[in-house]
Amino acid sequence: MALYITQECINCDVCEPECPNTAISAGVEIYEINPDLCTECVGHFDEPQCIEVCPVECILVDPEHEETREQLKNKYEKLVG
C-alpha cells in the first residue's frame, strides 16, 4: 500500500527530505504523497522513513492503494530502473 498524509499535518517539513523516492511534496495546504512513487521505503529501508520522523503521526497506510510487499518491491525496481 502507498501511504498518505492526513489533515493533521503541521507542515513541519521533516518528511519530504526523508523520502528516498521523492514521493512527498508540498501540497496546497499540507504535504502530499504520490502513490505512484511511494513504496513505503521497500528497497531502501525496513520501515517507512516518513512515518519514523513524523512528530504528529499523521502518515497512514492508504486503503485506496493496496499493494503487497512484492508489488511495492516491483514498483521500487521500476523506479530505480
Protein backbone atom coordinates (compact mmCIF):
# COMPACT_ATOMS: atom_id res chain seq x y z
CA MET A 1 0.00 0.00 0.00
CA ALA A 2 1.08 3.52 -0.54
CA LEU A 3 0.94 5.95 2.35
CA TYR A 4 -1.00 9.19 2.70
CA ILE A 5 -0.84 12.24 4.93
CA THR A 6 -3.88 13.24 6.95
CA GLN A 7 -5.21 16.73 7.65
CA GLU A 8 -3.39 16.66 11.00
CA CYS A 9 -0.17 17.51 9.10
CA ILE A 10 1.52 20.57 10.62
CA ASN A 11 3.80 21.24 7.61
CA CYS A 12 6.92 20.72 9.70
CA ASP A 13 8.98 19.82 6.60
CA VAL A 14 10.69 16.75 8.12
CA CYS A 15 9.08 14.03 5.97
CA GLU A 16 9.86 15.35 2.50
CA PRO A 17 13.67 15.06 2.63
CA GLU A 18 13.43 11.58 4.21
CA CYS A 19 11.60 10.06 1.23
CA PRO A 20 14.07 8.14 -0.96
CA ASN A 21 11.62 8.10 -3.89
CA THR A 22 10.73 11.81 -3.78
CA ALA A 23 7.09 10.78 -3.38
CA ILE A 24 6.38 13.53 -0.83
CA SER A 25 5.81 17.11 -1.89
CA ALA A 26 4.18 20.26 -0.54
CA GLY A 27 0.52 20.41 -1.43
CA VAL A 28 -1.82 23.37 -1.28
CA GLU A 29 -2.45 23.03 2.46
CA ILE A 30 -0.43 20.02 3.64
CA TYR A 31 2.24 17.69 2.35
CA GLU A 32 1.07 15.00 -0.06
CA ILE A 33 2.35 11.57 -1.07
CA ASN A 34 2.25 10.47 -4.71
CA PRO A 35 1.05 6.83 -4.58
CA ASP A 36 2.78 6.09 -7.89
CA LEU A 37 6.15 6.84 -6.28
CA CYS A 38 5.55 5.58 -2.73
CA THR A 39 7.00 2.15 -1.98
CA GLU A 40 6.75 2.52 1.81
CA CYS A 41 10.57 2.59 1.58
CA VAL A 42 10.66 -1.03 0.36
CA GLY A 43 14.02 -1.40 -1.37
CA HIS A 44 15.58 1.33 0.74
CA PHE A 45 14.73 0.80 4.43
CA ASP A 46 12.93 -1.67 6.69
CA GLU A 47 10.39 0.95 7.81
CA PRO A 48 8.83 3.96 6.06
CA GLN A 49 11.12 6.83 6.95
CA CYS A 50 8.39 9.47 6.78
CA ILE A 51 6.43 7.66 9.49
CA GLU A 52 9.58 7.36 11.59
CA VAL A 53 10.19 11.13 11.62
CA CYS A 54 6.61 12.48 11.69
CA PRO A 55 6.09 14.28 15.02
CA VAL A 56 2.28 14.20 14.84
CA GLU A 57 1.81 10.67 13.45
CA CYS A 58 -0.30 11.84 10.52
CA ILE A 59 1.07 9.43 7.89
CA LEU A 60 -1.05 6.34 7.43
CA VAL A 61 -1.47 3.40 5.06
CA ASP A 62 -3.73 4.41 2.18
CA PRO A 63 -6.56 1.86 1.85
CA GLU A 64 -7.27 3.17 -1.67
CA HIS A 65 -3.85 1.97 -2.86
CA GLU A 66 -3.50 -1.59 -1.60
CA GLU A 67 -0.25 -3.26 -2.62
CA THR A 68 1.58 -6.31 -1.36
CA ARG A 69 5.21 -6.12 -0.28
CA GLU A 70 6.11 -7.85 -3.55
CA GLN A 71 4.19 -5.24 -5.57
CA LEU A 72 5.98 -2.47 -3.66
CA LYS A 73 9.33 -4.14 -4.41
CA ASN A 74 8.42 -4.35 -8.11
CA LYS A 75 7.46 -0.67 -8.08
CA TYR A 76 10.79 0.17 -6.43
CA GLU A 77 12.69 -1.78 -9.10
CA LYS A 78 10.87 0.09 -11.89
CA LEU A 79 11.62 3.43 -10.23
CA VAL A 80 15.34 2.77 -9.93
CA GLY A 81 15.49 1.41 -13.47
